[in-house]
Amino acid sequence: MCRSIKVLREGATPAPDEDIEAAARQFVRKISGFSKPAAHNQAVFDEAVEEIAAASQRLLDGLEIKGAARKAS
């Protein structure tokens, strides 16, 4: 579905916040069918981007990469 979203995990190197937000925004665009939402949909669009970015960050933070030290919490 979102074939053009790039892989954010590069080994043990953390993904930049900007890349996570960009991937979340691209995902929401794909799901909603809008590349730029109308003004009356902007808030819900932005909320979805924030939620997906946060879930993506939790996923990336929780992954255990074999042979790499876990990041301190």
PDB file of N, CA and C in Angstrom:
ATOM      1  N   MET A   1       0.809  -1.177   0.000  1.00  0.00           N
ATOM      2  CA  MET A   1       0.000   0.000   0.000  1.00  0.00           C
ATOM      3  C   MET A   1       0.863   1.257   0.000  1.00  0.00           C
ATOM      4  N   CYS A   2       1.700   1.453   0.991  1.00  0.00           N
ATOM      5  CA  CYS A   2       2.564   2.649   1.051  1.00  0.00           C
ATOM      6  C   CYS A   2       3.974   2.259   0.669  1.00  0.00           C
ATOM      7  N   ARG A   3       4.148   1.819  -0.530  1.00  0.00           N
ATOM      8  CA  ARG A   3       5.449   1.307  -0.960  1.00  0.00           C
ATOM      9  C   ARG A   3       6.538   2.364  -0.951  1.00  0.00           C
ATOM     10  N   SER A   4       6.152   3.628  -1.044  1.00  0.00           N
ATOM     11  CA  SER A   4       7.172   4.662  -1.132  1.00  0.00           C
ATOM     12  C   SER A   4       7.628   5.183   0.230  1.00  0.00           C
ATOM     13  N   ILE A   5       7.025   4.703   1.319  1.00  0.00           N
ATOM     14  CA  ILE A   5       7.505   5.099   2.643  1.00  0.00           C
ATOM     15  C   ILE A   5       8.814   4.368   2.882  1.00  0.00           C
ATOM     16  N   LYS A   6       9.846   5.117   3.223  1.00  0.00           N
ATOM     17  CA  LYS A   6      11.158   4.504   3.369  1.00  0.00           C
ATOM     18  C   LYS A   6      11.305   3.796   4.718  1.00  0.00           C
ATOM     19  N   VAL A   7      12.198   2.841   4.764  1.00  0.00           N
ATOM     20  CA  VAL A   7      12.509   2.128   6.002  1.00  0.00           C
ATOM     21  C   VAL A   7      13.158   3.112   6.964  1.00  0.00           C
ATOM     22  N   LEU A   8      12.649   3.164   8.205  1.00  0.00           N
ATOM     23  CA  LEU A   8      13.173   4.129   9.170  1.00  0.00           C
ATOM     24  C   LEU A   8      14.212   3.523  10.094  1.00  0.00           C
ATOM     25  N   ARG A   9      14.275   2.210  10.172  1.00  0.00           N
ATOM     26  CA  ARG A   9      15.233   1.570  11.068  1.00  0.00           C
ATOM     27  C   ARG A   9      16.460   1.177  10.267  1.00  0.00           C
ATOM     28  N   GLU A  10      17.559   1.774  10.610  1.00  0.00           N
ATOM     29  CA  GLU A  10      18.845   1.459   9.976  1.00  0.00           C
ATOM     30  C   GLU A  10      19.747   0.843  11.038  1.00  0.00           C
ATOM     31  N   GLY A  11      19.591  -0.443  11.282  1.00  0.00           N
ATOM     32  CA  GLY A  11      20.377  -1.091  12.324  1.00  0.00           C
ATOM     33  C   GLY A  11      20.026  -0.513  13.673  1.00  0.00           C
ATOM     34  N   ALA A  12      21.024  -0.155  14.461  1.00  0.00           N
ATOM     35  CA  ALA A  12      20.798   0.394  15.794  1.00  0.00           C
ATOM     36  C   ALA A  12      20.728   1.919  15.782  1.00  0.00           C
ATOM     37  N   THR A  13      20.837   2.530  14.612  1.00  0.00           N
ATOM     38  CA  THR A  13      20.800   3.979  14.501  1.00  0.00           C
ATOM     39  C   THR A  13      19.357   4.464  14.601  1.00  0.00           C
ATOM     40  N   PRO A  14      19.054   5.364  15.542  1.00  0.00           N
ATOM     41  CA  PRO A  14      17.678   5.844  15.669  1.00  0.00           C
ATOM     42  C   PRO A  14      17.262   6.694  14.478  1.00  0.00           C
ATOM     43  N   ALA A  15      15.993   6.580  14.121  1.00  0.00           N
ATOM     44  CA  ALA A  15      15.461   7.374  13.019  1.00  0.00           C
ATOM     45  C   ALA A  15      15.247   8.809  13.486  1.00  0.00           C
ATOM     46  N   PRO A  16      15.555   9.779  12.649  1.00  0.00           N
ATOM     47  CA  PRO A  16      15.299  11.179  13.014  1.00  0.00           C
ATOM     48  C   PRO A  16      13.791  11.431  13.167  1.00  0.00           C
ATOM     49  N   ASP A  17      13.431  12.284  14.105  1.00  0.00           N
ATOM     50  CA  ASP A  17      12.022  12.623  14.319  1.00  0.00           C
ATOM     51  C   ASP A  17      11.363  13.118  13.040  1.00  0.00           C
ATOM     52  N   GLU A  18      12.094  13.880  12.247  1.00  0.00           N
ATOM     53  CA  GLU A  18      11.534  14.424  10.999  1.00  0.00           C
ATOM     54  C   GLU A  18      11.143  13.308  10.041  1.00  0.00           C
ATOM     55  N   ASP A  19      11.947  12.244   9.983  1.00  0.00           N
ATOM     56  CA  ASP A  19      11.637  11.128   9.093  1.00  0.00           C
ATOM     57  C   ASP A  19      10.419  10.356   9.581  1.00  0.00           C
ATOM     58  N   ILE A  20      10.287  10.208  10.894  1.00  0.00           N
ATOM     59  CA  ILE A  20       9.129   9.516  11.454  1.00  0.00           C
ATOM     60  C   ILE A  20       7.861  10.315  11.172  1.00  0.00           C
ATOM     61  N   GLU A  21       7.924  11.628  11.372  1.00  0.00           N
ATOM     62  CA  GLU A  21       6.765  12.480  11.112  1.00  0.00           C
ATOM     63  C   GLU A  21       6.406  12.468   9.625  1.00  0.00           C
ATOM     64  N   ALA A  22       7.391  12.494   8.761  1.00  0.00           N
ATOM     65  CA  ALA A  22       7.130  12.478   7.317  1.00  0.00           C
ATOM     66  C   ALA A  22       6.478  11.166   6.889  1.00  0.00           C
ATOM     67  N   ALA A  23       6.929  10.060   7.445  1.00  0.00           N
ATOM     68  CA  ALA A  23       6.330   8.763   7.114  1.00  0.00           C
ATOM     69  C   ALA A  23       4.892   8.694   7.623  1.00  0.00           C
ATOM     70  N   ALA A  24       4.650   9.221   8.838  1.00  0.00           N
ATOM     71  CA  ALA A  24       3.294   9.239   9.389  1.00  0.00           C
ATOM     72  C   ALA A  24       2.381  10.097   8.522  1.00  0.00           C
ATOM     73  N   ARG A  25       2.872  11.258   8.102  1.00  0.00           N
ATOM     74  CA  ARG A  25       2.070  12.147   7.253  1.00  0.00           C
ATOM     75  C   ARG A  25       1.744  11.472   5.919  1.00  0.00           C
ATOM     76  N   GLN A  26       2.723  10.786   5.352  1.00  0.00           N
ATOM     77  CA  GLN A  26       2.493  10.100   4.076  1.00  0.00           C
ATOM     78  C   GLN A  26       1.462   8.981   4.248  1.00  0.00           C
ATOM     79  N   PHE A  27       1.524   8.264   5.370  1.00  0.00           N
ATOM     80  CA  PHE A  27       0.574   7.202   5.648  1.00  0.00           C
ATOM     81  C   PHE A  27      -0.846   7.770   5.775  1.00  0.00           C
ATOM     82  N   VAL A  28      -0.999   8.863   6.512  1.00  0.00           N
ATOM     83  CA  VAL A  28      -2.311   9.482   6.685  1.00  0.00           C
ATOM     84  C   VAL A  28      -2.837   9.993   5.343  1.00  0.00           C
ATOM     85  N   ARG A  29      -1.981  10.550   4.533  1.00  0.00           N
ATOM     86  CA  ARG A  29      -2.400  10.990   3.196  1.00  0.00           C
ATOM     87  C   ARG A  29      -2.932   9.815   2.384  1.00  0.00           C
ATOM     88  N   LYS A  30      -2.229   8.703   2.440  1.00  0.00           N
ATOM     89  CA  LYS A  30      -2.630   7.530   1.679  1.00  0.00           C
ATOM     90  C   LYS A  30      -3.968   6.982   2.180  1.00  0.00           C
ATOM     91  N   ILE A  31      -4.106   6.869   3.503  1.00  0.00           N
ATOM     92  CA  ILE A  31      -5.330   6.330   4.090  1.00  0.00           C
ATOM     93  C   ILE A  31      -6.529   7.242   3.808  1.00  0.00           C
ATOM     94  N   SER A  32      -6.332   8.556   3.982  1.00  0.00           N
ATOM     95  CA  SER A  32      -7.442   9.502   3.837  1.00  0.00           C
ATOM     96  C   SER A  32      -7.797   9.791   2.382  1.00  0.00           C
ATOM     97  N   GLY A  33      -6.825   9.633   1.513  1.00  0.00           N
ATOM     98  CA  GLY A  33      -7.059   9.968   0.114  1.00  0.00           C
ATOM     99  C   GLY A  33      -6.848  11.445  -0.186  1.00  0.00           C
ATOM    100  N   PHE A  34      -6.377  12.205   0.816  1.00  0.00           N
ATOM    101  CA  PHE A  34      -6.138  13.635   0.635  1.00  0.00           C
ATOM    102  C   PHE A  34      -4.659  13.935   0.795  1.00  0.00           C
ATOM    103  N   SER A  35      -4.071  14.608  -0.190  1.00  0.00           N
ATOM    104  CA  SER A  35      -2.682  15.023  -0.018  1.00  0.00           C
ATOM    105  C   SER A  35      -2.614  16.283   0.837  1.00  0.00           C
ATOM    106  N   LYS A  36      -3.649  17.102   0.769  1.00  0.00           N
ATOM    107  CA  LYS A  36      -3.768  18.286   1.623  1.00  0.00           C
ATOM    108  C   LYS A  36      -5.233  18.367   2.028  1.00  0.00           C
ATOM    109  N   PRO A  37      -5.508  18.175   3.325  1.00  0.00           N
ATOM    110  CA  PRO A  37      -6.906  18.187   3.753  1.00  0.00           C
ATOM    111  C   PRO A  37      -7.507  19.598   3.700  1.00  0.00           C
ATOM    112  N   ALA A  38      -8.819  19.644   3.570  1.00  0.00           N
ATOM    113  CA  ALA A  38      -9.540  20.916   3.635  1.00  0.00           C
ATOM    114  C   ALA A  38      -9.393  21.482   5.049  1.00  0.00           C
ATOM    115  N   ALA A  39      -9.591  22.764   5.182  1.00  0.00           N
ATOM    116  CA  ALA A  39      -9.424  23.429   6.478  1.00  0.00           C
ATOM    117  C   ALA A  39     -10.261  22.766   7.568  1.00  0.00           C
ATOM    118  N   HIS A  40     -11.478  22.332   7.241  1.00  0.00           N
ATOM    119  CA  HIS A  40     -12.341  21.718   8.249  1.00  0.00           C
ATOM    120  C   HIS A  40     -11.882  20.318   8.651  1.00  0.00           C
ATOM    121  N   ASN A  41     -10.952  19.726   7.920  1.00  0.00           N
ATOM    122  CA  ASN A  41     -10.400  18.411   8.251  1.00  0.00           C
ATOM    123  C   ASN A  41      -8.972  18.488   8.786  1.00  0.00           C
ATOM    124  N   GLN A  42      -8.387  19.665   8.812  1.00  0.00           N
ATOM    125  CA  GLN A  42      -6.973  19.807   9.170  1.00  0.00           C
ATOM    126  C   GLN A  42      -6.667  19.280  10.574  1.00  0.00           C
ATOM    127  N   ALA A  43      -7.502  19.584  11.542  1.00  0.00           N
ATOM    128  CA  ALA A  43      -7.229  19.180  12.928  1.00  0.00           C
ATOM    129  C   ALA A  43      -7.209  17.656  13.070  1.00  0.00           C
ATOM    130  N   VAL A  44      -8.181  16.988  12.493  1.00  0.00           N
ATOM    131  CA  VAL A  44      -8.226  15.531  12.614  1.00  0.00           C
ATOM    132  C   VAL A  44      -7.081  14.885  11.824  1.00  0.00           C
ATOM    133  N   PHE A  45      -6.728  15.479  10.704  1.00  0.00           N
ATOM    134  CA  PHE A  45      -5.597  15.013   9.902  1.00  0.00           C
ATOM    135  C   PHE A  45      -4.300  15.122  10.711  1.00  0.00           C
ATOM    136  N   ASP A  46      -4.076  16.289  11.316  1.00  0.00           N
ATOM    137  CA  ASP A  46      -2.862  16.508  12.106  1.00  0.00           C
ATOM    138  C   ASP A  46      -2.822  15.594  13.335  1.00  0.00           C
ATOM    139  N   GLU A  47      -3.973  15.381  13.960  1.00  0.00           N
ATOM    140  CA  GLU A  47      -4.041  14.489  15.121  1.00  0.00           C
ATOM    141  C   GLU A  47      -3.656  13.061  14.733  1.00  0.00           C
ATOM    142  N   ALA A  48      -4.131  12.614  13.583  1.00  0.00           N
ATOM    143  CA  ALA A  48      -3.785  11.270  13.109  1.00  0.00           C
ATOM    144  C   ALA A  48      -2.287  11.164  12.845  1.00  0.00           C
ATOM    145  N   VAL A  49      -1.697  12.190  12.251  1.00  0.00           N
ATOM    146  CA  VAL A  49      -0.252  12.190  11.992  1.00  0.00           C
ATOM    147  C   VAL A  49       0.507  12.075  13.309  1.00  0.00           C
ATOM    148  N   GLU A  50       0.104  12.853  14.310  1.00  0.00           N
ATOM    149  CA  GLU A  50       0.775  12.811  15.614  1.00  0.00           C
ATOM    150  C   GLU A  50       0.667  11.431  16.260  1.00  0.00           C
ATOM    151  N   GLU A  51      -0.525  10.839  16.214  1.00  0.00           N
ATOM    152  CA  GLU A  51      -0.735   9.531  16.829  1.00  0.00           C
ATOM    153  C   GLU A  51       0.089   8.443  16.127  1.00  0.00           C
ATOM    154  N   ILE A  52       0.118   8.478  14.821  1.00  0.00           N
ATOM    155  CA  ILE A  52       0.878   7.470  14.072  1.00  0.00           C
ATOM    156  C   ILE A  52       2.371   7.669  14.273  1.00  0.00           C
ATOM    157  N   ALA A  53       2.822   8.911  14.315  1.00  0.00           N
ATOM    158  CA  ALA A  53       4.241   9.171  14.577  1.00  0.00           C
ATOM    159  C   ALA A  53       4.626   8.667  15.967  1.00  0.00           C
ATOM    160  N   ALA A  54       3.770   8.899  16.959  1.00  0.00           N
ATOM    161  CA  ALA A  54       4.055   8.433  18.319  1.00  0.00           C
ATOM    162  C   ALA A  54       4.087   6.901  18.382  1.00  0.00           C
ATOM    163  N   ALA A  55       3.135   6.257  17.727  1.00  0.00           N
ATOM    164  CA  ALA A  55       3.119   4.792  17.702  1.00  0.00           C
ATOM    165  C   ALA A  55       4.350   4.250  16.980  1.00  0.00           C
ATOM    166  N   SER A  56       4.756   4.909  15.925  1.00  0.00           N
ATOM    167  CA  SER A  56       5.954   4.494  15.190  1.00  0.00           C
ATOM    168  C   SER A  56       7.199   4.643  16.051  1.00  0.00           C
ATOM    169  N   GLN A  57       7.274   5.740  16.805  1.00  0.00           N
ATOM    170  CA  GLN A  57       8.420   5.957  17.692  1.00  0.00           C
ATOM    171  C   GLN A  57       8.470   4.880  18.775  1.00  0.00           C
ATOM    172  N   ARG A  58       7.299   4.527  19.351  1.00  0.00           N
ATOM    173  CA  ARG A  58       7.266   3.461  20.364  1.00  0.00           C
ATOM    174  C   ARG A  58       7.728   2.137  19.767  1.00  0.00           C
ATOM    175  N   LEU A  59       7.295   1.859  18.556  1.00  0.00           N
ATOM    176  CA  LEU A  59       7.718   0.630  17.883  1.00  0.00           C
ATOM    177  C   LEU A  59       9.226   0.613  17.712  1.00  0.00           C
ATOM    178  N   LEU A  60       9.775   1.675  17.158  1.00  0.00           N
ATOM    179  CA  LEU A  60      11.212   1.728  16.910  1.00  0.00           C
ATOM    180  C   LEU A  60      12.003   1.674  18.210  1.00  0.00           C
ATOM    181  N   ASP A  61      11.494   2.343  19.254  1.00  0.00           N
ATOM    182  CA  ASP A  61      12.166   2.315  20.555  1.00  0.00           C
ATOM    183  C   ASP A  61      12.130   0.926  21.181  1.00  0.00           C
ATOM    184  N   GLY A  62      11.083   0.170  20.919  1.00  0.00           N
ATOM    185  CA  GLY A  62      10.915  -1.137  21.538  1.00  0.00           C
ATOM    186  C   GLY A  62      11.588  -2.283  20.811  1.00  0.00           C
ATOM    187  N   LEU A  63      12.001  -2.061  19.581  1.00  0.00           N
ATOM    188  CA  LEU A  63      12.643  -3.139  18.823  1.00  0.00           C
ATOM    189  C   LEU A  63      13.991  -3.491  19.431  1.00  0.00           C
ATOM    190  N   GLU A  64      14.255  -4.769  19.518  1.00  0.00           N
ATOM    191  CA  GLU A  64      15.552  -5.228  19.990  1.00  0.00           C
ATOM    192  C   GLU A  64      16.338  -5.703  18.776  1.00  0.00           C
ATOM    193  N   ILE A  65      17.456  -5.079  18.551  1.00  0.00           N
ATOM    194  CA  ILE A  65      18.305  -5.410  17.415  1.00  0.00           C
ATOM    195  C   ILE A  65      19.396  -6.346  17.919  1.00  0.00           C
ATOM    196  N   LYS A  66      19.394  -7.571  17.431  1.00  0.00           N
ATOM    197  CA  LYS A  66      20.399  -8.558  17.866  1.00  0.00           C
ATOM    198  C   LYS A  66      21.790  -8.027  17.618  1.00  0.00           C
ATOM    199  N   GLY A  67      22.629  -8.120  18.631  1.00  0.00           N
ATOM    200  CA  GLY A  67      24.012  -7.683  18.506  1.00  0.00           C
ATOM    201  C   GLY A  67      24.230  -6.203  18.771  1.00  0.00           C
ATOM    202  N   ALA A  68      23.136  -5.473  19.040  1.00  0.00           N
ATOM    203  CA  ALA A  68      23.262  -4.040  19.324  1.00  0.00           C
ATOM    204  C   ALA A  68      22.836  -3.785  20.761  1.00  0.00           C
ATOM    205  N   ALA A  69      23.502  -2.882  21.410  1.00  0.00           N
ATOM    206  CA  ALA A  69      23.132  -2.525  22.782  1.00  0.00           C
ATOM    207  C   ALA A  69      21.808  -1.790  22.772  1.00  0.00           C
ATOM    208  N   ARG A  70      20.921  -2.130  23.714  1.00  0.00           N
ATOM    209  CA  ARG A  70      19.650  -1.417  23.833  1.00  0.00           C
ATOM    210  C   ARG A  70      19.890  -0.017  24.338  1.00  0.00           C
ATOM    211  N   LYS A  71      19.107   0.895  23.851  1.00  0.00           N
ATOM    212  CA  LYS A  71      19.258   2.283  24.271  1.00  0.00           C
ATOM    213  C   LYS A  71      18.714   2.436  25.685  1.00  0.00           C
ATOM    214  N   ALA A  72      19.405   3.230  26.485  1.00  0.00           N
ATOM    215  CA  ALA A  72      19.006   3.454  27.877  1.00  0.00           C
ATOM    216  C   ALA A  72      17.702   4.237  27.906  1.00  0.00           C
ATOM    217  N   SER A  73      16.792   3.835  28.811  1.00  0.00           N
ATOM    218  CA  SER A  73      15.496   4.529  28.933  1.00  0.00           C
ATOM    219  C   SER A  73      15.506   5.443  30.107  1.00  0.00           C
TER     220      SER A  73
END
